[in-house]
Amino acid sequence: MALMSFLHAGWLGDLFDSTPTPRYTMPIDLSKAGNIAETDIRIDKKYSVYVELYYDHRKQKISLDRYGEITDKYFGRHEPLPIFPIKLTVLKYEKTGTSIVADKIYYTRSLGRSYSSKSIDNFKLQKGGKYHIKVETVEDYPELADLNVEVAIGYI
């Protein structure tokens, strides 16, 4: 009977659950509208979660000068931050289907957690919950084709 209680508590299931947990990154191509990065994520800690675009200079194949030009123009490293639109959808998996946590276009201006990131949003997601996170580009930025960008999901 104790074994059944243990199994029903979900602990054993979580032990073998391969759904990623924050900090998790996935690549996204910002050069064309309609490009998508998406994943399921499992929240295993009681913290808020951030979603941001991350473009670390150490992960680039372009020169540092070119990296500086692109990030200054599109992400505002040294000047007032330009508006950069991005669509974010967050769905929570429920026993009866899914519920919407967020589904909108963000016109983000703010830096993320570093100078190499741009914040999309922060959420208080339920510990033990599973979510689907989808980030989609909404405008064409052909000049960004050479920039390696990741969507980062992490705990605050």
C-alpha atoms as a PDB file:
ATOM      1  CA  MET A   1       0.000   0.000   0.000  1.00  0.00           C
ATOM      2  CA  ALA A   2       2.841   2.389   0.815  1.00  0.00           C
ATOM      3  CA  LEU A   3       4.378   1.640  -2.580  1.00  0.00           C
ATOM      4  CA  MET A   4       1.121   2.588  -4.311  1.00  0.00           C
ATOM      5  CA  SER A   5       1.010   5.894  -2.405  1.00  0.00           C
ATOM      6  CA  PHE A   6       4.575   6.590  -3.476  1.00  0.00           C
ATOM      7  CA  LEU A   7       3.755   5.888  -7.120  1.00  0.00           C
ATOM      8  CA  HIS A   8       0.599   8.004  -7.040  1.00  0.00           C
ATOM      9  CA  ALA A   9       2.508  10.922  -5.528  1.00  0.00           C
ATOM     10  CA  GLY A  10       4.288  11.276  -8.880  1.00  0.00           C
ATOM     11  CA  TRP A  11       7.793  11.107  -7.492  1.00  0.00           C
ATOM     12  CA  LEU A  12       8.743   8.016  -9.434  1.00  0.00           C
ATOM     13  CA  GLY A  13       7.248   9.476 -12.612  1.00  0.00           C
ATOM     14  CA  ASP A  14       9.304  12.647 -12.208  1.00  0.00           C
ATOM     15  CA  LEU A  15      12.398  10.528 -11.696  1.00  0.00           C
ATOM     16  CA  PHE A  16      12.056   9.116 -15.223  1.00  0.00           C
ATOM     17  CA  ASP A  17      10.560  12.224 -16.877  1.00  0.00           C
ATOM     18  CA  SER A  18      12.879  13.457 -19.639  1.00  0.00           C
ATOM     19  CA  THR A  19      11.014  16.759 -20.114  1.00  0.00           C
ATOM     20  CA  PRO A  20      13.647  19.520 -19.792  1.00  0.00           C
ATOM     21  CA  THR A  21      13.691  21.869 -16.820  1.00  0.00           C
ATOM     22  CA  PRO A  22      15.039  25.450 -16.692  1.00  0.00           C
ATOM     23  CA  ARG A  23      17.788  26.537 -17.574  1.00  0.00           C
ATOM     24  CA  TYR A  24      17.041  25.401 -21.086  1.00  0.00           C
ATOM     25  CA  THR A  25      18.026  26.949 -24.416  1.00  0.00           C
ATOM     26  CA  MET A  26      16.950  26.322 -27.992  1.00  0.00           C
ATOM     27  CA  PRO A  27      18.067  28.025 -31.218  1.00  0.00           C
ATOM     28  CA  ILE A  28      15.851  30.430 -33.151  1.00  0.00           C
ATOM     29  CA  ASP A  29      16.443  32.096 -36.513  1.00  0.00           C
ATOM     30  CA  LEU A  30      15.338  35.739 -36.234  1.00  0.00           C
ATOM     31  CA  SER A  31      15.854  36.513 -39.929  1.00  0.00           C
ATOM     32  CA  LYS A  32      12.353  35.576 -41.171  1.00  0.00           C
ATOM     33  CA  ALA A  33       8.835  36.009 -39.837  1.00  0.00           C
ATOM     34  CA  GLY A  34       7.193  32.754 -38.819  1.00  0.00           C
ATOM     35  CA  ASN A  35      10.305  30.980 -37.545  1.00  0.00           C
ATOM     36  CA  ILE A  36       9.547  29.033 -34.374  1.00  0.00           C
ATOM     37  CA  ALA A  37      11.408  27.638 -31.372  1.00  0.00           C
ATOM     38  CA  GLU A  38       9.291  25.527 -29.040  1.00  0.00           C
ATOM     39  CA  THR A  39       9.622  22.980 -26.272  1.00  0.00           C
ATOM     40  CA  ASP A  40       7.836  21.348 -23.400  1.00  0.00           C
ATOM     41  CA  ILE A  41       9.255  22.308 -20.021  1.00  0.00           C
ATOM     42  CA  ARG A  42       8.776  20.903 -16.531  1.00  0.00           C
ATOM     43  CA  ILE A  43       8.920  23.282 -13.579  1.00  0.00           C
ATOM     44  CA  ASP A  44      10.764  21.601 -10.715  1.00  0.00           C
ATOM     45  CA  LYS A  45      11.410  24.608  -8.440  1.00  0.00           C
ATOM     46  CA  LYS A  46       9.233  27.249  -6.818  1.00  0.00           C
ATOM     47  CA  TYR A  47      10.637  30.316  -8.575  1.00  0.00           C
ATOM     48  CA  SER A  48       9.524  32.644 -11.325  1.00  0.00           C
ATOM     49  CA  VAL A  49      10.615  31.714 -14.838  1.00  0.00           C
ATOM     50  CA  TYR A  50      12.065  34.064 -17.464  1.00  0.00           C
ATOM     51  CA  VAL A  51      11.961  33.718 -21.241  1.00  0.00           C
ATOM     52  CA  GLU A  52      14.512  35.751 -23.187  1.00  0.00           C
ATOM     53  CA  LEU A  53      16.488  35.968 -26.415  1.00  0.00           C
ATOM     54  CA  TYR A  54      20.160  35.184 -25.789  1.00  0.00           C
ATOM     55  CA  TYR A  55      22.923  36.110 -28.251  1.00  0.00           C
ATOM     56  CA  ASP A  56      26.270  35.576 -26.528  1.00  0.00           C
ATOM     57  CA  HIS A  57      29.249  36.905 -28.511  1.00  0.00           C
ATOM     58  CA  ARG A  58      31.236  33.739 -27.651  1.00  0.00           C
ATOM     59  CA  LYS A  59      28.756  31.618 -29.654  1.00  0.00           C
ATOM     60  CA  GLN A  60      28.993  33.650 -32.868  1.00  0.00           C
ATOM     61  CA  LYS A  61      30.647  32.770 -36.168  1.00  0.00           C
ATOM     62  CA  ILE A  62      30.817  36.438 -37.206  1.00  0.00           C
ATOM     63  CA  SER A  63      33.492  38.949 -36.226  1.00  0.00           C
ATOM     64  CA  LEU A  64      33.162  40.922 -32.998  1.00  0.00           C
ATOM     65  CA  ASP A  65      32.872  44.123 -35.048  1.00  0.00           C
ATOM     66  CA  ARG A  66      29.951  42.712 -37.037  1.00  0.00           C
ATOM     67  CA  TYR A  67      28.388  41.348 -33.855  1.00  0.00           C
ATOM     68  CA  GLY A  68      28.610  44.826 -32.305  1.00  0.00           C
ATOM     69  CA  GLU A  69      26.997  46.456 -35.359  1.00  0.00           C
ATOM     70  CA  ILE A  70      24.073  44.020 -35.357  1.00  0.00           C
ATOM     71  CA  THR A  71      23.437  44.082 -31.615  1.00  0.00           C
ATOM     72  CA  ASP A  72      23.674  47.879 -31.466  1.00  0.00           C
ATOM     73  CA  LYS A  73      21.168  48.230 -34.297  1.00  0.00           C
ATOM     74  CA  TYR A  74      18.627  45.585 -33.259  1.00  0.00           C
ATOM     75  CA  PHE A  75      19.141  45.114 -29.544  1.00  0.00           C
ATOM     76  CA  GLY A  76      20.450  48.520 -28.436  1.00  0.00           C
ATOM     77  CA  ARG A  77      23.563  47.634 -26.474  1.00  0.00           C
ATOM     78  CA  HIS A  78      24.644  51.242 -25.964  1.00  0.00           C
ATOM     79  CA  GLU A  79      21.642  53.332 -27.001  1.00  0.00           C
ATOM     80  CA  PRO A  80      17.955  53.421 -26.135  1.00  0.00           C
ATOM     81  CA  LEU A  81      16.636  49.965 -26.820  1.00  0.00           C
ATOM     82  CA  PRO A  82      14.663  49.604 -30.031  1.00  0.00           C
ATOM     83  CA  ILE A  83      11.345  47.799 -29.993  1.00  0.00           C
ATOM     84  CA  PHE A  84      11.765  44.201 -31.101  1.00  0.00           C
ATOM     85  CA  PRO A  85       8.489  42.282 -31.642  1.00  0.00           C
ATOM     86  CA  ILE A  86       8.297  38.584 -30.780  1.00  0.00           C
ATOM     87  CA  LYS A  87       5.323  36.289 -30.190  1.00  0.00           C
ATOM     88  CA  LEU A  88       5.310  34.129 -27.078  1.00  0.00           C
ATOM     89  CA  THR A  89       2.806  31.389 -26.306  1.00  0.00           C
ATOM     90  CA  VAL A  90       2.865  29.544 -22.977  1.00  0.00           C
ATOM     91  CA  LEU A  91       0.400  26.692 -22.456  1.00  0.00           C
ATOM     92  CA  LYS A  92      -0.074  24.727 -19.238  1.00  0.00           C
ATOM     93  CA  TYR A  93      -0.819  21.027 -19.584  1.00  0.00           C
ATOM     94  CA  GLU A  94      -3.892  20.074 -17.545  1.00  0.00           C
ATOM     95  CA  LYS A  95      -5.606  16.722 -17.050  1.00  0.00           C
ATOM     96  CA  THR A  96      -8.358  17.872 -19.424  1.00  0.00           C
ATOM     97  CA  GLY A  97      -6.167  19.524 -22.066  1.00  0.00           C
ATOM     98  CA  THR A  98      -4.268  22.813 -21.980  1.00  0.00           C
ATOM     99  CA  SER A  99      -4.853  26.272 -20.590  1.00  0.00           C
ATOM    100  CA  ILE A 100      -3.333  29.496 -21.914  1.00  0.00           C
ATOM    101  CA  VAL A 101      -0.834  31.293 -19.675  1.00  0.00           C
ATOM    102  CA  ALA A 102       0.292  33.760 -22.380  1.00  0.00           C
ATOM    103  CA  ASP A 103      -0.388  34.154 -26.085  1.00  0.00           C
ATOM    104  CA  LYS A 104       0.586  37.547 -27.402  1.00  0.00           C
ATOM    105  CA  ILE A 105       3.101  39.596 -29.311  1.00  0.00           C
ATOM    106  CA  TYR A 106       5.586  41.340 -27.047  1.00  0.00           C
ATOM    107  CA  TYR A 107       7.101  44.619 -28.175  1.00  0.00           C
ATOM    108  CA  THR A 108      10.050  44.269 -25.889  1.00  0.00           C
ATOM    109  CA  ARG A 109      12.542  47.002 -25.099  1.00  0.00           C
ATOM    110  CA  SER A 110      14.252  45.666 -22.015  1.00  0.00           C
ATOM    111  CA  LEU A 111      17.584  44.008 -21.634  1.00  0.00           C
ATOM    112  CA  GLY A 112      17.522  40.494 -20.284  1.00  0.00           C
ATOM    113  CA  ARG A 113      19.658  39.105 -17.520  1.00  0.00           C
ATOM    114  CA  SER A 114      22.859  40.205 -19.300  1.00  0.00           C
ATOM    115  CA  TYR A 115      24.024  42.581 -22.012  1.00  0.00           C
ATOM    116  CA  SER A 116      23.798  39.634 -24.407  1.00  0.00           C
ATOM    117  CA  SER A 117      20.087  39.050 -23.932  1.00  0.00           C
ATOM    118  CA  LYS A 118      16.712  40.668 -24.468  1.00  0.00           C
ATOM    119  CA  SER A 119      13.891  39.907 -22.056  1.00  0.00           C
ATOM    120  CA  ILE A 120      10.543  38.702 -23.403  1.00  0.00           C
ATOM    121  CA  ASP A 121       8.652  38.095 -20.130  1.00  0.00           C
ATOM    122  CA  ASN A 122       8.677  36.539 -16.656  1.00  0.00           C
ATOM    123  CA  PHE A 123       6.067  34.170 -15.242  1.00  0.00           C
ATOM    124  CA  LYS A 124       5.156  32.521 -11.968  1.00  0.00           C
ATOM    125  CA  LEU A 125       4.594  28.949 -13.089  1.00  0.00           C
ATOM    126  CA  GLN A 126       3.400  26.179 -10.803  1.00  0.00           C
ATOM    127  CA  LYS A 127       6.045  23.857  -9.352  1.00  0.00           C
ATOM    128  CA  GLY A 128       5.420  20.362 -10.683  1.00  0.00           C
ATOM    129  CA  GLY A 129       3.570  21.738 -13.714  1.00  0.00           C
ATOM    130  CA  LYS A 130       4.350  20.998 -17.341  1.00  0.00           C
ATOM    131  CA  TYR A 131       4.163  23.729 -19.945  1.00  0.00           C
ATOM    132  CA  HIS A 132       4.614  24.217 -23.667  1.00  0.00           C
ATOM    133  CA  ILE A 133       6.632  27.308 -24.595  1.00  0.00           C
ATOM    134  CA  LYS A 134       6.649  28.599 -28.163  1.00  0.00           C
ATOM    135  CA  VAL A 135       8.521  31.666 -29.433  1.00  0.00           C
ATOM    136  CA  GLU A 136       7.787  32.911 -32.949  1.00  0.00           C
ATOM    137  CA  THR A 137       9.286  35.695 -35.032  1.00  0.00           C
ATOM    138  CA  VAL A 138       6.750  38.186 -36.406  1.00  0.00           C
ATOM    139  CA  GLU A 139       8.866  40.342 -38.725  1.00  0.00           C
ATOM    140  CA  ASP A 140      11.647  39.745 -41.248  1.00  0.00           C
ATOM    141  CA  TYR A 141      15.128  40.811 -40.194  1.00  0.00           C
ATOM    142  CA  PRO A 142      17.378  39.385 -42.968  1.00  0.00           C
ATOM    143  CA  GLU A 143      20.436  41.024 -41.433  1.00  0.00           C
ATOM    144  CA  LEU A 144      20.046  38.750 -38.390  1.00  0.00           C
ATOM    145  CA  ALA A 145      20.595  35.560 -40.418  1.00  0.00           C
ATOM    146  CA  ASP A 146      24.250  35.420 -39.323  1.00  0.00           C
ATOM    147  CA  LEU A 147      23.526  35.978 -35.620  1.00  0.00           C
ATOM    148  CA  ASN A 148      23.294  32.827 -33.487  1.00  0.00           C
ATOM    149  CA  VAL A 149      20.357  33.423 -31.143  1.00  0.00           C
ATOM    150  CA  GLU A 150      18.830  31.132 -28.551  1.00  0.00           C
ATOM    151  CA  VAL A 151      15.610  31.305 -26.607  1.00  0.00           C
ATOM    152  CA  ALA A 152      16.626  30.898 -22.958  1.00  0.00           C
ATOM    153  CA  ILE A 153      14.213  29.710 -20.273  1.00  0.00           C
ATOM    154  CA  GLY A 154      15.449  29.913 -16.696  1.00  0.00           C
ATOM    155  CA  TYR A 155      14.628  30.540 -13.078  1.00  0.00           C
ATOM    156  CA  ILE A 156      14.823  33.990 -11.521  1.00  0.00           C
END
